[in-house]
Amino acid sequence: MGRRFQPARNAKTVPQVQSIAYTTGQTFLKGALVVDNVNGTVDECGADPASILGVALEDAGSKLGYGFANPSQTTVVTGRNQEVSIAVADRDTQFSCRGVNGGTDPVLPLQTHIGEKYGVVKVGNDWCLDFADAVNTRCQIIDIRPEDNAFLVKFLEANLARP
């Protein structure tokens, strides 16, 4: 498993986190890019997402009431909460992620990358910064963390679901 999107820092305060219901049947993992839909729930983004609400901070179906022992012997589950915690993408929050060049090969962070804009891609179960996509840009590189091969990015204003 590679480095997934995760909140890194916020210019003003701590990243805004909300617990939001997700659409039944969603199976996304921690670090997935999510978007809100017309029903008021969240779904995992598709390829080249036009709108990004934020980054999932936990797997779908991982809150209390899910994943307990002996579910086949249980008839009633109380307190089950079909929600997921989301780090909301806004103008101030930066996220760390890994970079790939259209696939699984890692891109090492360099100072020359700061300020560049790229798209995002889902590689396996991980969302990454896609250096092969300079057309469908979704993120701008703000800083780098060479010690763990991470890029600090902000989602572009045009793609924020809640700027």
C-alpha atoms as a PDB file:
ATOM      1  CA  MET A   1       0.000   0.000   0.000  1.00  0.00           C
ATOM      2  CA  GLY A   2       1.329   3.433  -0.932  1.00  0.00           C
ATOM      3  CA  ARG A   3       0.799   6.782   0.694  1.00  0.00           C
ATOM      4  CA  ARG A   4      -2.834   7.845   0.394  1.00  0.00           C
ATOM      5  CA  PHE A   5      -4.264  11.361   0.437  1.00  0.00           C
ATOM      6  CA  GLN A   6      -4.441  12.668   4.000  1.00  0.00           C
ATOM      7  CA  PRO A   7      -4.771  16.100   5.584  1.00  0.00           C
ATOM      8  CA  ALA A   8      -1.371  17.636   6.252  1.00  0.00           C
ATOM      9  CA  ARG A   9      -1.852  21.184   7.467  1.00  0.00           C
ATOM     10  CA  ASN A  10      -4.076  24.213   7.319  1.00  0.00           C
ATOM     11  CA  ALA A  11      -2.873  27.770   6.865  1.00  0.00           C
ATOM     12  CA  LYS A  12      -5.294  29.178   9.466  1.00  0.00           C
ATOM     13  CA  THR A  13      -6.526  26.437  11.812  1.00  0.00           C
ATOM     14  CA  VAL A  14      -6.840  22.672  11.868  1.00  0.00           C
ATOM     15  CA  PRO A  15      -8.473  20.929   8.887  1.00  0.00           C
ATOM     16  CA  GLN A  16     -12.268  20.918   8.966  1.00  0.00           C
ATOM     17  CA  VAL A  17     -13.641  17.407   9.595  1.00  0.00           C
ATOM     18  CA  GLN A  18     -17.266  16.373   9.141  1.00  0.00           C
ATOM     19  CA  SER A  19     -19.013  13.047   9.602  1.00  0.00           C
ATOM     20  CA  ILE A  20     -21.328  12.580   6.621  1.00  0.00           C
ATOM     21  CA  ALA A  21     -23.581   9.696   5.571  1.00  0.00           C
ATOM     22  CA  TYR A  22     -22.327   7.732   2.579  1.00  0.00           C
ATOM     23  CA  THR A  23     -24.429   6.107  -0.124  1.00  0.00           C
ATOM     24  CA  THR A  24     -25.342   2.469   0.533  1.00  0.00           C
ATOM     25  CA  GLY A  25     -22.988   0.097  -1.284  1.00  0.00           C
ATOM     26  CA  GLN A  26     -19.922   2.362  -1.171  1.00  0.00           C
ATOM     27  CA  THR A  27     -16.690   0.463  -0.430  1.00  0.00           C
ATOM     28  CA  PHE A  28     -14.072   3.219  -0.539  1.00  0.00           C
ATOM     29  CA  LEU A  29     -11.060   3.160   1.756  1.00  0.00           C
ATOM     30  CA  LYS A  30      -9.329   5.727   3.921  1.00  0.00           C
ATOM     31  CA  GLY A  31      -7.697   8.335   1.700  1.00  0.00           C
ATOM     32  CA  ALA A  32     -10.349   8.174  -1.024  1.00  0.00           C
ATOM     33  CA  LEU A  33     -11.488  11.380  -2.695  1.00  0.00           C
ATOM     34  CA  VAL A  34     -15.211  11.839  -2.111  1.00  0.00           C
ATOM     35  CA  VAL A  35     -17.967  14.059  -3.467  1.00  0.00           C
ATOM     36  CA  ASP A  36     -21.428  14.863  -2.155  1.00  0.00           C
ATOM     37  CA  ASN A  37     -24.417  13.916  -4.281  1.00  0.00           C
ATOM     38  CA  VAL A  38     -27.974  15.231  -4.701  1.00  0.00           C
ATOM     39  CA  ASN A  39     -29.244  12.943  -1.910  1.00  0.00           C
ATOM     40  CA  GLY A  40     -26.977  14.581   0.675  1.00  0.00           C
ATOM     41  CA  THR A  41     -24.692  11.564   1.000  1.00  0.00           C
ATOM     42  CA  VAL A  42     -21.132  11.088  -0.228  1.00  0.00           C
ATOM     43  CA  ASP A  43     -19.720   8.832  -2.924  1.00  0.00           C
ATOM     44  CA  GLU A  44     -16.186   8.060  -3.980  1.00  0.00           C
ATOM     45  CA  CYS A  45     -15.141  10.319  -6.847  1.00  0.00           C
ATOM     46  CA  GLY A  46     -14.871   8.965 -10.365  1.00  0.00           C
ATOM     47  CA  ALA A  47     -12.019   9.553 -12.800  1.00  0.00           C
ATOM     48  CA  ASP A  48     -11.106  13.227 -13.288  1.00  0.00           C
ATOM     49  CA  PRO A  49     -13.603  14.463 -10.680  1.00  0.00           C
ATOM     50  CA  ALA A  50     -15.098  17.871 -11.465  1.00  0.00           C
ATOM     51  CA  SER A  51     -16.066  18.362  -7.812  1.00  0.00           C
ATOM     52  CA  ILE A  52     -14.185  17.188  -4.709  1.00  0.00           C
ATOM     53  CA  LEU A  53     -15.695  17.476  -1.236  1.00  0.00           C
ATOM     54  CA  GLY A  54     -12.665  16.106   0.563  1.00  0.00           C
ATOM     55  CA  VAL A  55     -10.742  13.044   1.653  1.00  0.00           C
ATOM     56  CA  ALA A  56     -12.160  10.085   3.597  1.00  0.00           C
ATOM     57  CA  LEU A  57     -10.450   9.677   6.958  1.00  0.00           C
ATOM     58  CA  GLU A  58     -11.694   6.100   7.402  1.00  0.00           C
ATOM     59  CA  ASP A  59     -13.006   3.194   5.360  1.00  0.00           C
ATOM     60  CA  ALA A  60     -16.701   3.077   4.475  1.00  0.00           C
ATOM     61  CA  GLY A  61     -18.460   0.750   6.925  1.00  0.00           C
ATOM     62  CA  SER A  62     -15.879   1.058   9.672  1.00  0.00           C
ATOM     63  CA  LYS A  63     -17.721   3.029  12.357  1.00  0.00           C
ATOM     64  CA  LEU A  64     -19.417   1.466  15.385  1.00  0.00           C
ATOM     65  CA  GLY A  65     -21.797  -1.360  14.523  1.00  0.00           C
ATOM     66  CA  TYR A  66     -19.705  -2.660  11.600  1.00  0.00           C
ATOM     67  CA  GLY A  67     -17.073  -5.379  11.533  1.00  0.00           C
ATOM     68  CA  PHE A  68     -17.970  -7.029  14.839  1.00  0.00           C
ATOM     69  CA  ALA A  69     -17.424 -10.684  15.702  1.00  0.00           C
ATOM     70  CA  ASN A  70     -20.015 -13.321  14.735  1.00  0.00           C
ATOM     71  CA  PRO A  71     -22.321 -11.147  12.571  1.00  0.00           C
ATOM     72  CA  SER A  72     -24.158 -14.225  11.252  1.00  0.00           C
ATOM     73  CA  GLN A  73     -25.365 -14.941  14.796  1.00  0.00           C
ATOM     74  CA  THR A  74     -26.599 -11.395  15.394  1.00  0.00           C
ATOM     75  CA  THR A  75     -30.215 -10.481  14.746  1.00  0.00           C
ATOM     76  CA  VAL A  76     -30.297  -6.835  15.837  1.00  0.00           C
ATOM     77  CA  VAL A  77     -27.551  -4.212  15.661  1.00  0.00           C
ATOM     78  CA  THR A  78     -28.142  -0.922  17.433  1.00  0.00           C
ATOM     79  CA  GLY A  79     -26.104   2.236  17.169  1.00  0.00           C
ATOM     80  CA  ARG A  80     -24.918   1.475  13.639  1.00  0.00           C
ATOM     81  CA  ASN A  81     -23.891   4.691  11.934  1.00  0.00           C
ATOM     82  CA  GLN A  82     -23.552   4.690   8.120  1.00  0.00           C
ATOM     83  CA  GLU A  83     -21.290   7.733   8.071  1.00  0.00           C
ATOM     84  CA  VAL A  84     -17.682   8.457   7.281  1.00  0.00           C
ATOM     85  CA  SER A  85     -15.404  11.200   8.577  1.00  0.00           C
ATOM     86  CA  ILE A  86     -14.251  13.550   5.818  1.00  0.00           C
ATOM     87  CA  ALA A  87     -11.402  16.084   5.843  1.00  0.00           C
ATOM     88  CA  VAL A  88     -13.133  18.830   3.867  1.00  0.00           C
ATOM     89  CA  ALA A  89     -11.158  20.303   0.967  1.00  0.00           C
ATOM     90  CA  ASP A  90     -11.222  24.078   1.203  1.00  0.00           C
ATOM     91  CA  ARG A  91      -9.049  27.043   0.235  1.00  0.00           C
ATOM     92  CA  ASP A  92      -6.728  26.622   3.224  1.00  0.00           C
ATOM     93  CA  THR A  93      -6.273  22.892   3.784  1.00  0.00           C
ATOM     94  CA  GLN A  94      -3.263  21.127   2.335  1.00  0.00           C
ATOM     95  CA  PHE A  95      -3.136  17.379   1.802  1.00  0.00           C
ATOM     96  CA  SER A  96      -0.141  15.089   1.523  1.00  0.00           C
ATOM     97  CA  CYS A  97      -0.044  12.407  -1.137  1.00  0.00           C
ATOM     98  CA  ARG A  98       2.288  10.446  -3.325  1.00  0.00           C
ATOM     99  CA  GLY A  99       2.911  11.128  -6.985  1.00  0.00           C
ATOM    100  CA  VAL A 100       2.795   8.642  -9.843  1.00  0.00           C
ATOM    101  CA  ASN A 101       3.411   8.978 -13.536  1.00  0.00           C
ATOM    102  CA  GLY A 102       0.199   7.454 -14.882  1.00  0.00           C
ATOM    103  CA  GLY A 103       0.692   4.209 -12.980  1.00  0.00           C
ATOM    104  CA  THR A 104       2.409   2.804  -9.946  1.00  0.00           C
ATOM    105  CA  ASP A 105       5.911   4.130 -10.508  1.00  0.00           C
ATOM    106  CA  PRO A 106       6.651   6.745  -7.829  1.00  0.00           C
ATOM    107  CA  VAL A 107       7.645  10.315  -8.676  1.00  0.00           C
ATOM    108  CA  LEU A 108      10.228  11.679  -6.275  1.00  0.00           C
ATOM    109  CA  PRO A 109       9.445  15.171  -4.959  1.00  0.00           C
ATOM    110  CA  LEU A 110      11.754  17.937  -6.183  1.00  0.00           C
ATOM    111  CA  GLN A 111      11.809  21.667  -5.434  1.00  0.00           C
ATOM    112  CA  THR A 112      11.073  22.287  -9.124  1.00  0.00           C
ATOM    113  CA  HIS A 113       7.639  20.641  -8.680  1.00  0.00           C
ATOM    114  CA  ILE A 114       6.388  23.384  -6.343  1.00  0.00           C
ATOM    115  CA  GLY A 115       3.682  25.424  -8.087  1.00  0.00           C
ATOM    116  CA  GLU A 116       2.935  22.793 -10.746  1.00  0.00           C
ATOM    117  CA  LYS A 117      -0.618  21.510 -11.310  1.00  0.00           C
ATOM    118  CA  TYR A 118      -1.631  17.910 -12.021  1.00  0.00           C
ATOM    119  CA  GLY A 119      -4.626  15.615 -12.105  1.00  0.00           C
ATOM    120  CA  VAL A 120      -5.465  12.782  -9.738  1.00  0.00           C
ATOM    121  CA  VAL A 121      -5.704   9.067 -10.445  1.00  0.00           C
ATOM    122  CA  LYS A 122      -6.798   6.002  -8.535  1.00  0.00           C
ATOM    123  CA  VAL A 123      -4.069   3.341  -8.610  1.00  0.00           C
ATOM    124  CA  GLY A 124      -5.362   0.121  -7.078  1.00  0.00           C
ATOM    125  CA  ASN A 125      -7.146   1.388  -3.948  1.00  0.00           C
ATOM    126  CA  ASP A 126      -5.031   4.525  -3.532  1.00  0.00           C
ATOM    127  CA  TRP A 127      -5.668   8.002  -4.916  1.00  0.00           C
ATOM    128  CA  CYS A 128      -2.477   9.705  -6.116  1.00  0.00           C
ATOM    129  CA  LEU A 129      -1.235  12.850  -7.809  1.00  0.00           C
ATOM    130  CA  ASP A 130      -0.953  11.991 -11.536  1.00  0.00           C
ATOM    131  CA  PHE A 131       2.109  13.549 -13.175  1.00  0.00           C
ATOM    132  CA  ALA A 132       0.996  12.096 -16.522  1.00  0.00           C
ATOM    133  CA  ASP A 133      -2.112  14.340 -16.475  1.00  0.00           C
ATOM    134  CA  ALA A 134      -1.348  18.027 -16.905  1.00  0.00           C
ATOM    135  CA  VAL A 135      -4.668  18.618 -18.748  1.00  0.00           C
ATOM    136  CA  ASN A 136      -7.346  17.576 -16.220  1.00  0.00           C
ATOM    137  CA  THR A 137      -5.625  19.333 -13.335  1.00  0.00           C
ATOM    138  CA  ARG A 138      -7.154  19.035  -9.851  1.00  0.00           C
ATOM    139  CA  CYS A 139      -4.255  19.846  -7.494  1.00  0.00           C
ATOM    140  CA  GLN A 140      -1.444  22.350  -7.171  1.00  0.00           C
ATOM    141  CA  ILE A 141       1.775  21.374  -5.411  1.00  0.00           C
ATOM    142  CA  ILE A 142       2.383  23.752  -2.498  1.00  0.00           C
ATOM    143  CA  ASP A 143       5.394  22.082  -0.879  1.00  0.00           C
ATOM    144  CA  ILE A 144       7.280  18.792  -0.746  1.00  0.00           C
ATOM    145  CA  ARG A 145       8.370  16.395   1.986  1.00  0.00           C
ATOM    146  CA  PRO A 146      11.368  14.513   0.551  1.00  0.00           C
ATOM    147  CA  GLU A 147      11.877  12.574   3.807  1.00  0.00           C
ATOM    148  CA  ASP A 148       8.741  10.516   3.080  1.00  0.00           C
ATOM    149  CA  ASN A 149       8.416  11.103  -0.708  1.00  0.00           C
ATOM    150  CA  ALA A 150       5.262  13.155  -0.240  1.00  0.00           C
ATOM    151  CA  PHE A 151       3.803  16.153  -2.007  1.00  0.00           C
ATOM    152  CA  LEU A 152       1.754  18.784  -0.165  1.00  0.00           C
ATOM    153  CA  VAL A 153      -1.103  19.857  -2.416  1.00  0.00           C
ATOM    154  CA  LYS A 154      -4.220  21.990  -2.410  1.00  0.00           C
ATOM    155  CA  PHE A 155      -7.227  21.183  -4.544  1.00  0.00           C
ATOM    156  CA  LEU A 156      -7.891  23.802  -7.205  1.00  0.00           C
ATOM    157  CA  GLU A 157     -10.607  26.361  -6.479  1.00  0.00           C
ATOM    158  CA  ALA A 158     -12.599  25.275  -9.544  1.00  0.00           C
ATOM    159  CA  ASN A 159     -12.875  21.734  -8.165  1.00  0.00           C
ATOM    160  CA  LEU A 160     -13.836  22.486  -4.566  1.00  0.00           C
ATOM    161  CA  ALA A 161     -17.370  21.327  -3.740  1.00  0.00           C
ATOM    162  CA  ARG A 162     -17.513  23.780  -0.802  1.00  0.00           C
ATOM    163  CA  PRO A 163     -14.932  26.542  -1.327  1.00  0.00           C
END
